[in-house]
Structure formats: C-alpha cells, structure tokens
PDB file of N, CA and C in Angstrom:
ATOM      1  N   MET A   1       0.893  -1.350  -0.141  1.00  0.00           N
ATOM      2  CA  MET A   1      -0.098  -0.071   0.161  1.00  0.00           C
ATOM      3  C   MET A   1       0.775   1.502   0.064  1.00  0.00           C
ATOM      4  N   ILE A   2       0.631   2.196  -0.681  1.00  0.00           N
ATOM      5  CA  ILE A   2       0.917   3.333  -1.032  1.00  0.00           C
ATOM      6  C   ILE A   2       0.183   4.534   0.187  1.00  0.00           C
ATOM      7  N   ILE A   3       0.965   5.585   0.888  1.00  0.00           N
ATOM      8  CA  ILE A   3       0.408   6.214   1.569  1.00  0.00           C
ATOM      9  C   ILE A   3       0.966   7.827   1.388  1.00  0.00           C
ATOM     10  N   VAL A   4       0.184   8.619   1.190  1.00  0.00           N
ATOM     11  CA  VAL A   4       0.547   9.936   0.969  1.00  0.00           C
ATOM     12  C   VAL A   4      -0.075  10.777   2.130  1.00  0.00           C
ATOM     13  N   VAL A   5       1.012  11.435   2.792  1.00  0.00           N
ATOM     14  CA  VAL A   5       0.331  12.310   3.766  1.00  0.00           C
ATOM     15  C   VAL A   5       1.148  13.927   3.526  1.00  0.00           C
ATOM     16  N   GLY A   6       0.083  14.701   3.839  1.00  0.00           N
ATOM     17  CA  GLY A   6       0.670  16.275   3.489  1.00  0.00           C
ATOM     18  C   GLY A   6      -0.162  17.077   4.552  1.00  0.00           C
ATOM     19  N   THR A   7       0.645  18.218   4.363  1.00  0.00           N
ATOM     20  CA  THR A   7       0.169  19.168   5.053  1.00  0.00           C
ATOM     21  C   THR A   7       0.234  20.646   4.083  1.00  0.00           C
ATOM     22  N   ILE A   8      -0.833  21.480   4.175  1.00  0.00           N
ATOM     23  CA  ILE A   8      -1.204  22.436   3.088  1.00  0.00           C
ATOM     24  C   ILE A   8      -1.407  23.707   4.213  1.00  0.00           C
ATOM     25  N   GLU A   9      -0.738  24.870   4.128  1.00  0.00           N
ATOM     26  CA  GLU A   9      -1.084  25.973   4.621  1.00  0.00           C
ATOM     27  C   GLU A   9      -1.906  26.849   3.769  1.00  0.00           C
ATOM     28  N   VAL A  10      -3.012  27.419   4.292  1.00  0.00           N
ATOM     29  CA  VAL A  10      -3.676  28.695   3.406  1.00  0.00           C
ATOM     30  C   VAL A  10      -3.900  29.539   4.589  1.00  0.00           C
ATOM     31  N   ALA A  11      -4.416  30.799   3.993  1.00  0.00           N
ATOM     32  CA  ALA A  11      -4.864  32.059   5.111  1.00  0.00           C
ATOM     33  C   ALA A  11      -6.310  30.964   5.490  1.00  0.00           C
ATOM     34  N   GLY A  12      -6.220  31.301   7.355  1.00  0.00           N
ATOM     35  CA  GLY A  12      -7.060  30.781   8.210  1.00  0.00           C
ATOM     36  C   GLY A  12      -8.637  31.170   7.614  1.00  0.00           C
ATOM     37  N   ALA A  13      -8.627  32.452   6.989  1.00  0.00           N
ATOM     38  CA  ALA A  13      -9.976  33.121   6.361  1.00  0.00           C
ATOM     39  C   ALA A  13     -10.774  32.099   5.072  1.00  0.00           C
ATOM     40  N   ASP A  14      -9.805  31.574   4.415  1.00  0.00           N
ATOM     41  CA  ASP A  14      -9.798  30.763   3.261  1.00  0.00           C
ATOM     42  C   ASP A  14     -10.079  29.458   3.371  1.00  0.00           C
ATOM     43  N   ARG A  15      -9.689  28.962   4.345  1.00  0.00           N
ATOM     44  CA  ARG A  15      -9.855  27.265   4.553  1.00  0.00           C
ATOM     45  C   ARG A  15     -11.209  26.690   3.940  1.00  0.00           C
ATOM     46  N   ASP A  16     -12.075  27.081   4.444  1.00  0.00           N
ATOM     47  CA  ASP A  16     -13.266  26.439   4.171  1.00  0.00           C
ATOM     48  C   ASP A  16     -13.448  26.414   2.734  1.00  0.00           C
ATOM     49  N   ARG A  17     -13.077  27.528   2.020  1.00  0.00           N
ATOM     50  CA  ARG A  17     -13.332  27.956   0.513  1.00  0.00           C
ATOM     51  C   ARG A  17     -12.394  26.961  -0.228  1.00  0.00           C
ATOM     52  N   PHE A  18     -11.227  26.480   0.380  1.00  0.00           N
ATOM     53  CA  PHE A  18     -10.179  25.790  -0.002  1.00  0.00           C
ATOM     54  C   PHE A  18     -10.710  24.358  -0.117  1.00  0.00           C
ATOM     55  N   LEU A  19     -11.445  23.771   0.948  1.00  0.00           N
ATOM     56  CA  LEU A  19     -11.716  22.620   1.163  1.00  0.00           C
ATOM     57  C   LEU A  19     -12.950  22.221   0.196  1.00  0.00           C
ATOM     58  N   GLU A  20     -13.874  23.551  -0.053  1.00  0.00           N
ATOM     59  CA  GLU A  20     -14.927  23.225  -0.884  1.00  0.00           C
ATOM     60  C   GLU A  20     -14.540  23.097  -2.238  1.00  0.00           C
ATOM     61  N   ALA A  21     -13.424  23.758  -2.789  1.00  0.00           N
ATOM     62  CA  ALA A  21     -12.796  24.040  -4.239  1.00  0.00           C
ATOM     63  C   ALA A  21     -12.063  22.603  -4.343  1.00  0.00           C
ATOM     64  N   LYS A  22     -11.729  21.700  -3.247  1.00  0.00           N
ATOM     65  CA  LYS A  22     -11.499  20.351  -3.464  1.00  0.00           C
ATOM     66  C   LYS A  22     -12.468  19.412  -3.639  1.00  0.00           C
ATOM     67  N   GLN A  23     -13.668  19.721  -3.508  1.00  0.00           N
ATOM     68  CA  GLN A  23     -14.463  18.392  -3.528  1.00  0.00           C
ATOM     69  C   GLN A  23     -14.729  17.769  -4.956  1.00  0.00           C
ATOM     70  N   ALA A  24     -14.467  18.275  -6.241  1.00  0.00           N
ATOM     71  CA  ALA A  24     -14.669  17.693  -7.333  1.00  0.00           C
ATOM     72  C   ALA A  24     -13.540  16.914  -7.548  1.00  0.00           C
ATOM     73  N   GLN A  25     -12.232  17.577  -7.030  1.00  0.00           N
ATOM     74  CA  GLN A  25     -10.963  16.523  -7.068  1.00  0.00           C
ATOM     75  C   GLN A  25     -11.043  15.560  -6.184  1.00  0.00           C
ATOM     76  N   VAL A  26     -11.609  15.434  -4.971  1.00  0.00           N
ATOM     77  CA  VAL A  26     -11.720  14.342  -4.357  1.00  0.00           C
ATOM     78  C   VAL A  26     -12.879  13.466  -5.127  1.00  0.00           C
ATOM     79  N   ALA A  27     -13.795  13.516  -5.685  1.00  0.00           N
ATOM     80  CA  ALA A  27     -14.787  12.789  -6.266  1.00  0.00           C
ATOM     81  C   ALA A  27     -13.869  12.117  -7.274  1.00  0.00           C
ATOM     82  N   SER A  28     -13.247  12.813  -8.126  1.00  0.00           N
ATOM     83  CA  SER A  28     -12.809  12.182  -9.236  1.00  0.00           C
ATOM     84  C   SER A  28     -11.756  11.321  -9.097  1.00  0.00           C
ATOM     85  N   THR A  29     -10.981  11.583  -7.906  1.00  0.00           N
ATOM     86  CA  THR A  29      -9.588  10.781  -7.483  1.00  0.00           C
ATOM     87  C   THR A  29     -10.107   9.338  -7.029  1.00  0.00           C
ATOM     88  N   LEU A  30     -11.262   9.545  -6.141  1.00  0.00           N
ATOM     89  CA  LEU A  30     -11.549   8.298  -5.710  1.00  0.00           C
ATOM     90  C   LEU A  30     -12.315   7.325  -6.480  1.00  0.00           C
ATOM     91  N   ALA A  31     -12.409   7.613  -7.769  1.00  0.00           N
ATOM     92  CA  ALA A  31     -12.941   6.695  -8.600  1.00  0.00           C
ATOM     93  C   ALA A  31     -11.577   6.382  -9.699  1.00  0.00           C
ATOM     94  N   GLU A  32     -10.856   6.669  -9.421  1.00  0.00           N
ATOM     95  CA  GLU A  32      -9.365   6.464 -10.130  1.00  0.00           C
ATOM     96  C   GLU A  32      -9.049   4.786  -9.738  1.00  0.00           C
ATOM     97  N   ASP A  33      -8.272   4.232 -10.390  1.00  0.00           N
ATOM     98  CA  ASP A  33      -7.917   2.870 -10.315  1.00  0.00           C
ATOM     99  C   ASP A  33      -6.995   2.838  -9.288  1.00  0.00           C
ATOM    100  N   GLY A  34      -7.108   1.678  -8.267  1.00  0.00           N
ATOM    101  CA  GLY A  34      -6.150   1.762  -7.086  1.00  0.00           C
ATOM    102  C   GLY A  34      -6.424   2.707  -5.898  1.00  0.00           C
ATOM    103  N   CYS A  35      -7.242   3.602  -5.980  1.00  0.00           N
ATOM    104  CA  CYS A  35      -7.421   4.749  -4.997  1.00  0.00           C
ATOM    105  C   CYS A  35      -8.169   4.171  -3.962  1.00  0.00           C
ATOM    106  N   ILE A  36      -7.608   4.094  -2.682  1.00  0.00           N
ATOM    107  CA  ILE A  36      -8.397   3.502  -1.484  1.00  0.00           C
ATOM    108  C   ILE A  36      -8.932   4.762  -0.511  1.00  0.00           C
ATOM    109  N   ASP A  37      -8.116   5.624  -0.767  1.00  0.00           N
ATOM    110  CA  ASP A  37      -8.587   6.816   0.351  1.00  0.00           C
ATOM    111  C   ASP A  37      -8.262   8.457  -0.479  1.00  0.00           C
ATOM    112  N   TYR A  38      -8.979   9.275  -0.460  1.00  0.00           N
ATOM    113  CA  TYR A  38      -8.469  10.455  -0.674  1.00  0.00           C
ATOM    114  C   TYR A  38      -9.010  11.486  -0.166  1.00  0.00           C
ATOM    115  N   ALA A  39      -8.557  12.048   0.729  1.00  0.00           N
ATOM    116  CA  ALA A  39      -9.281  13.393   1.725  1.00  0.00           C
ATOM    117  C   ALA A  39      -8.381  14.604   1.891  1.00  0.00           C
ATOM    118  N   PHE A  40      -9.340  15.568   1.722  1.00  0.00           N
ATOM    119  CA  PHE A  40      -8.390  16.748   2.482  1.00  0.00           C
ATOM    120  C   PHE A  40      -9.327  16.949   3.759  1.00  0.00           C
ATOM    121  N   ALA A  41      -8.677  17.357   4.598  1.00  0.00           N
ATOM    122  CA  ALA A  41      -9.304  17.559   5.870  1.00  0.00           C
ATOM    123  C   ALA A  41      -8.782  18.966   6.703  1.00  0.00           C
ATOM    124  N   ALA A  42      -9.687  19.548   7.457  1.00  0.00           N
ATOM    125  CA  ALA A  42      -9.146  20.709   8.415  1.00  0.00           C
ATOM    126  C   ALA A  42      -8.540  20.346   9.437  1.00  0.00           C
ATOM    127  N   ASP A  43      -7.619  20.727  10.122  1.00  0.00           N
ATOM    128  CA  ASP A  43      -6.423  20.726  11.023  1.00  0.00           C
ATOM    129  C   ASP A  43      -7.411  21.098  12.397  1.00  0.00           C
ATOM    130  N   ALA A  44      -7.647  20.598  13.363  1.00  0.00           N
ATOM    131  CA  ALA A  44      -8.369  21.341  14.317  1.00  0.00           C
ATOM    132  C   ALA A  44      -7.973  21.890  15.259  1.00  0.00           C
ATOM    133  N   GLY A  45      -6.515  22.137  15.054  1.00  0.00           N
ATOM    134  CA  GLY A  45      -5.850  23.072  15.791  1.00  0.00           C
ATOM    135  C   GLY A  45      -5.268  24.198  15.229  1.00  0.00           C
ATOM    136  N   ASP A  46      -5.407  24.141  13.998  1.00  0.00           N
ATOM    137  CA  ASP A  46      -4.618  25.398  13.278  1.00  0.00           C
ATOM    138  C   ASP A  46      -5.847  25.829  12.098  1.00  0.00           C
ATOM    139  N   PRO A  47      -6.326  27.231  12.110  1.00  0.00           N
ATOM    140  CA  PRO A  47      -7.132  27.309  10.998  1.00  0.00           C
ATOM    141  C   PRO A  47      -6.643  27.614   9.735  1.00  0.00           C
ATOM    142  N   GLY A  48      -5.397  27.595   9.611  1.00  0.00           N
ATOM    143  CA  GLY A  48      -4.903  27.718   8.053  1.00  0.00           C
ATOM    144  C   GLY A  48      -4.252  26.581   7.913  1.00  0.00           C
ATOM    145  N   LYS A  49      -4.419  25.110   8.424  1.00  0.00           N
ATOM    146  CA  LYS A  49      -3.782  24.159   8.124  1.00  0.00           C
ATOM    147  C   LYS A  49      -4.922  23.057   7.555  1.00  0.00           C
ATOM    148  N   VAL A  50      -4.517  22.736   6.472  1.00  0.00           N
ATOM    149  CA  VAL A  50      -5.266  21.621   5.739  1.00  0.00           C
ATOM    150  C   VAL A  50      -4.521  20.402   5.640  1.00  0.00           C
ATOM    151  N   ARG A  51      -4.885  19.042   5.989  1.00  0.00           N
ATOM    152  CA  ARG A  51      -4.098  17.791   5.833  1.00  0.00           C
ATOM    153  C   ARG A  51      -4.755  17.025   4.674  1.00  0.00           C
ATOM    154  N   LEU A  52      -3.824  16.621   4.096  1.00  0.00           N
ATOM    155  CA  LEU A  52      -4.025  15.925   2.849  1.00  0.00           C
ATOM    156  C   LEU A  52      -3.761  14.154   3.397  1.00  0.00           C
ATOM    157  N   ILE A  53      -4.600  13.177   3.020  1.00  0.00           N
ATOM    158  CA  ILE A  53      -4.136  11.960   3.085  1.00  0.00           C
ATOM    159  C   ILE A  53      -4.608  10.990   1.727  1.00  0.00           C
ATOM    160  N   GLU A  54      -3.942  10.286   1.258  1.00  0.00           N
ATOM    161  CA  GLU A  54      -4.207   9.284   0.408  1.00  0.00           C
ATOM    162  C   GLU A  54      -3.698   7.921   0.267  1.00  0.00           C
ATOM    163  N   ARG A  55      -4.545   6.829  -0.161  1.00  0.00           N
ATOM    164  CA  ARG A  55      -3.806   5.396   0.272  1.00  0.00           C
ATOM    165  C   ARG A  55      -4.077   4.996  -1.354  1.00  0.00           C
ATOM    166  N   TRP A  56      -3.385   4.225  -1.835  1.00  0.00           N
ATOM    167  CA  TRP A  56      -3.258   3.776  -3.221  1.00  0.00           C
ATOM    168  C   TRP A  56      -2.977   2.341  -3.093  1.00  0.00           C
ATOM    169  N   GLU A  57      -3.597   1.219  -3.767  1.00  0.00           N
ATOM    170  CA  GLU A  57      -2.952   0.082  -3.823  1.00  0.00           C
ATOM    171  C   GLU A  57      -1.464  -0.167  -4.271  1.00  0.00           C
ATOM    172  N   ARG A  58      -1.267   0.463  -5.171  1.00  0.00           N
ATOM    173  CA  ARG A  58       0.071   0.289  -5.830  1.00  0.00           C
ATOM    174  C   ARG A  58       0.697   1.710  -6.381  1.00  0.00           C
ATOM    175  N   MET A  59       1.999   1.455  -6.365  1.00  0.00           N
ATOM    176  CA  MET A  59       2.923   3.021  -6.444  1.00  0.00           C
ATOM    177  C   MET A  59       2.488   3.369  -8.125  1.00  0.00           C
ATOM    178  N   ALA A  60       2.223   2.426  -9.036  1.00  0.00           N
ATOM    179  CA  ALA A  60       1.824   2.732 -10.495  1.00  0.00           C
ATOM    180  C   ALA A  60       0.180   3.241 -10.297  1.00  0.00           C
ATOM    181  N   ASP A  61      -0.417   3.032  -9.388  1.00  0.00           N
ATOM    182  CA  ASP A  61      -1.918   3.933  -9.300  1.00  0.00           C
ATOM    183  C   ASP A  61      -1.629   5.447  -9.145  1.00  0.00           C
ATOM    184  N   LEU A  62      -0.564   5.186  -8.052  1.00  0.00           N
ATOM    185  CA  LEU A  62      -0.405   6.859  -7.822  1.00  0.00           C
ATOM    186  C   LEU A  62       0.414   7.648  -8.932  1.00  0.00           C
ATOM    187  N   GLU A  63       1.171   6.828  -9.522  1.00  0.00           N
ATOM    188  CA  GLU A  63       1.799   7.540 -10.770  1.00  0.00           C
ATOM    189  C   GLU A  63       1.107   8.061 -11.679  1.00  0.00           C
ATOM    190  N   ALA A  64      -0.108   7.278 -12.010  1.00  0.00           N
ATOM    191  CA  ALA A  64      -1.189   7.268 -12.953  1.00  0.00           C
ATOM    192  C   ALA A  64      -1.958   8.575 -12.722  1.00  0.00           C
ATOM    193  N   HIS A  65      -2.310   8.680 -11.386  1.00  0.00           N
ATOM    194  CA  HIS A  65      -3.031  10.024 -10.736  1.00  0.00           C
ATOM    195  C   HIS A  65      -2.200  11.033 -11.124  1.00  0.00           C
ATOM    196  N   VAL A  66      -0.923  11.199 -10.519  1.00  0.00           N
ATOM    197  CA  VAL A  66       0.093  12.307 -10.596  1.00  0.00           C
ATOM    198  C   VAL A  66      -0.084  12.598 -12.337  1.00  0.00           C
ATOM    199  N   ALA A  67       0.521  11.920 -13.150  1.00  0.00           N
ATOM    200  CA  ALA A  67       0.466  12.162 -14.563  1.00  0.00           C
ATOM    201  C   ALA A  67      -0.636  12.832 -14.816  1.00  0.00           C
ATOM    202  N   GLY A  68      -1.652  12.412 -14.520  1.00  0.00           N
ATOM    203  CA  GLY A  68      -3.306  12.843 -14.867  1.00  0.00           C
ATOM    204  C   GLY A  68      -3.213  14.526 -14.240  1.00  0.00           C
ATOM    205  N   LEU A  69      -2.822  14.706 -13.355  1.00  0.00           N
ATOM    206  CA  LEU A  69      -2.784  16.313 -12.733  1.00  0.00           C
ATOM    207  C   LEU A  69      -2.058  16.786 -13.535  1.00  0.00           C
ATOM    208  N   ARG A  70      -0.983  16.230 -13.921  1.00  0.00           N
ATOM    209  CA  ARG A  70      -0.055  17.074 -14.590  1.00  0.00           C
ATOM    210  C   ARG A  70      -0.485  17.523 -16.066  1.00  0.00           C
ATOM    211  N   SER A  71      -1.140  16.683 -16.664  1.00  0.00           N
ATOM    212  CA  SER A  71      -1.869  16.621 -18.163  1.00  0.00           C
ATOM    213  C   SER A  71      -2.738  17.621 -18.053  1.00  0.00           C
ATOM    214  N   ASP A  72      -3.526  18.028 -16.716  1.00  0.00           N
ATOM    215  CA  ASP A  72      -4.670  18.843 -16.796  1.00  0.00           C
ATOM    216  C   ASP A  72      -4.071  20.307 -17.584  1.00  0.00           C
ATOM    217  N   PRO A  73      -4.790  21.199 -17.843  1.00  0.00           N
ATOM    218  CA  PRO A  73      -4.155  22.257 -18.031  1.00  0.00           C
ATOM    219  C   PRO A  73      -4.323  23.160 -16.563  1.00  0.00           C
ATOM    220  N   PRO A  74      -3.306  24.011 -16.350  1.00  0.00           N
ATOM    221  CA  PRO A  74      -3.704  24.460 -15.088  1.00  0.00           C
ATOM    222  C   PRO A  74      -4.411  25.912 -15.074  1.00  0.00           C
ATOM    223  N   ALA A  75      -5.008  25.900 -14.063  1.00  0.00           N
ATOM    224  CA  ALA A  75      -5.928  27.168 -14.072  1.00  0.00           C
ATOM    225  C   ALA A  75      -5.187  28.405 -13.843  1.00  0.00           C
ATOM    226  N   ASP A  76      -5.798  29.290 -14.508  1.00  0.00           N
ATOM    227  CA  ASP A  76      -4.812  30.757 -14.564  1.00  0.00           C
ATOM    228  C   ASP A  76      -4.406  31.035 -13.056  1.00  0.00           C
ATOM    229  N   GLU A  77      -5.206  30.758 -12.187  1.00  0.00           N
ATOM    230  CA  GLU A  77      -4.904  31.417 -10.819  1.00  0.00           C
ATOM    231  C   GLU A  77      -5.775  30.372 -10.014  1.00  0.00           C
ATOM    232  N   PRO A  78      -4.951  29.543  -8.919  1.00  0.00           N
ATOM    233  CA  PRO A  78      -6.045  28.699  -8.167  1.00  0.00           C
ATOM    234  C   PRO A  78      -6.780  29.394  -7.402  1.00  0.00           C
ATOM    235  N   PRO A  79      -8.109  28.613  -7.135  1.00  0.00           N
ATOM    236  CA  PRO A  79      -9.300  29.541  -6.572  1.00  0.00           C
ATOM    237  C   PRO A  79      -8.893  30.041  -5.024  1.00  0.00           C
ATOM    238  N   VAL A  80      -7.950  29.376  -4.313  1.00  0.00           N
ATOM    239  CA  VAL A  80      -7.599  29.479  -3.083  1.00  0.00           C
ATOM    240  C   VAL A  80      -6.350  29.328  -2.970  1.00  0.00           C
ATOM    241  N   PRO A  81      -4.935  30.480  -2.736  1.00  0.00           N
ATOM    242  CA  PRO A  81      -3.696  29.839  -2.952  1.00  0.00           C
ATOM    243  C   PRO A  81      -3.245  29.412  -1.732  1.00  0.00           C
ATOM    244  N   SER A  82      -2.394  28.448  -1.956  1.00  0.00           N
ATOM    245  CA  SER A  82      -1.604  27.782  -0.996  1.00  0.00           C
ATOM    246  C   SER A  82      -0.424  28.655  -0.333  1.00  0.00           C
ATOM    247  N   ARG A  83      -0.184  28.704   0.818  1.00  0.00           N
ATOM    248  CA  ARG A  83       1.055  29.058   1.179  1.00  0.00           C
ATOM    249  C   ARG A  83       2.247  28.426   1.388  1.00  0.00           C
ATOM    250  N   MET A  84       1.855  26.887   1.474  1.00  0.00           N
ATOM    251  CA  MET A  84       3.275  25.864   1.683  1.00  0.00           C
ATOM    252  C   MET A  84       2.267  24.709   1.379  1.00  0.00           C
ATOM    253  N   ALA A  85       3.179  23.883   0.929  1.00  0.00           N
ATOM    254  CA  ALA A  85       2.577  22.489   0.690  1.00  0.00           C
ATOM    255  C   ALA A  85       3.631  21.210   1.060  1.00  0.00           C
ATOM    256  N   ASP A  86       3.530  20.918   2.041  1.00  0.00           N
ATOM    257  CA  ASP A  86       4.741  19.484   2.311  1.00  0.00           C
ATOM    258  C   ASP A  86       3.955  18.065   2.011  1.00  0.00           C
ATOM    259  N   LEU A  87       4.314  17.291   1.462  1.00  0.00           N
ATOM    260  CA  LEU A  87       4.015  15.902   0.886  1.00  0.00           C
ATOM    261  C   LEU A  87       4.941  15.034   1.274  1.00  0.00           C
ATOM    262  N   ALA A  88       4.777  14.092   1.580  1.00  0.00           N
ATOM    263  CA  ALA A  88       5.512  12.751   1.850  1.00  0.00           C
ATOM    264  C   ALA A  88       4.713  11.457   1.395  1.00  0.00           C
ATOM    265  N   VAL A  89       5.480  10.519   0.666  1.00  0.00           N
ATOM    266  CA  VAL A  89       5.182   9.309   0.236  1.00  0.00           C
ATOM    267  C   VAL A  89       5.653   8.016   0.807  1.00  0.00           C
ATOM    268  N   TYR A  90       5.063   7.115   1.308  1.00  0.00           N
ATOM    269  CA  TYR A  90       5.284   6.192   2.120  1.00  0.00           C
ATOM    270  C   TYR A  90       4.900   4.754   1.500  1.00  0.00           C
ATOM    271  N   GLU A  91       5.675   3.608   1.660  1.00  0.00           N
ATOM    272  CA  GLU A  91       5.175   2.365   1.248  1.00  0.00           C
ATOM    273  C   GLU A  91       5.016   1.704   2.405  1.00  0.00           C
ATOM    274  N   ALA A  92       4.019   1.234   2.555  1.00  0.00           N
ATOM    275  CA  ALA A  92       3.314   0.711   4.101  1.00  0.00           C
ATOM    276  C   ALA A  92       3.193  -0.624   3.906  1.00  0.00           C
ATOM    277  N   ALA A  93       3.592  -1.275   4.713  1.00  0.00           N
ATOM    278  CA  ALA A  93       3.159  -2.975   4.979  1.00  0.00           C
ATOM    279  C   ALA A  93       2.073  -2.843   6.554  1.00  0.00           C
ATOM    280  N   PRO A  94       1.322  -3.835   6.354  1.00  0.00           N
ATOM    281  CA  PRO A  94       0.395  -3.999   7.773  1.00  0.00           C
ATOM    282  C   PRO A  94       1.462  -4.215   8.869  1.00  0.00           C
ATOM    283  N   ALA A  95       0.970  -3.753  10.071  1.00  0.00           N
ATOM    284  CA  ALA A  95       1.722  -3.696  11.391  1.00  0.00           C
ATOM    285  C   ALA A  95       0.633  -4.046  12.480  1.00  0.00           C
ATOM    286  N   ARG A  96       0.945  -4.469  13.488  1.00  0.00           N
ATOM    287  CA  ARG A  96       0.186  -4.858  14.630  1.00  0.00           C
ATOM    288  C   ARG A  96      -0.133  -3.713  15.196  1.00  0.00           C
ATOM    289  N   PRO A  97      -1.376  -3.312  15.472  1.00  0.00           N
ATOM    290  CA  PRO A  97      -1.586  -2.287  16.161  1.00  0.00           C
ATOM    291  C   PRO A  97      -1.521  -2.425  17.482  1.00  0.00           C
ATOM    292  N   PRO A  98      -1.052  -1.464  18.188  1.00  0.00           N
ATOM    293  CA  PRO A  98      -0.634  -1.373  19.805  1.00  0.00           C
ATOM    294  C   PRO A  98      -1.847  -1.630  20.386  1.00  0.00           C
ATOM    295  N   TRP A  99      -3.061  -1.620  20.156  1.00  0.00           N
ATOM    296  CA  TRP A  99      -4.003  -1.770  20.927  1.00  0.00           C
ATOM    297  C   TRP A  99      -4.606  -3.310  21.003  1.00  0.00           C
ATOM    298  N   ALA A 100      -4.061  -3.904  19.999  1.00  0.00           N
ATOM    299  CA  ALA A 100      -4.542  -5.144  19.891  1.00  0.00           C
ATOM    300  C   ALA A 100      -3.547  -6.272  20.956  1.00  0.00           C
TER     301      ALA A 100
END
C-alpha cells in the first residue's frame, strides 16, 4: 500500500473555501484505479492548515494519478492559493496495532 500524507497552509479565512474547491477533485480521484482513500481535512488546531491523506493500492496507481494531474491544463490562478505544501509518500506494510 502507498500512503501520501501532506500538510497544506492557506490563509485561515480561506480554509473552508479551499476545502470546497477540492470537492470535485476528491470525487474524481476516488474513482481512479487503485485509489483507496483520498481526503482533505481541516486541522482542528490550526485554522490555516489542511491535512491531505491518500492511500493507493500500488505506486503505479499513484503515478497514473499524478500524470493525470500534470496533463490537465493549469488554472490561471488557483481558487485559493496555498502558502506552503509539504507532502511525503510512504510504502506501508500492515503492522500489529498497539491496542491489539
């Protein structure tokens, strides 16, 4: 399983608008081959922070997703600009949960 974890910073007053602008992207990505989860979420402790979590069956599925994003013509200006985006990709194997 491939996991993408990200933090995106936006102006606190723009966070709800940022999340609304991502709804169509979330819906279309969830329909892609190999996509298990794809979500943007408001950070409960910081009004200008958004969390991104993605789970993919295979790296090839994530690579196809990224290629599709790159092939779309970019918007003239993003609906809500981000100040910073930090993303990390992990290859994960199941582990025993500590509460088990």
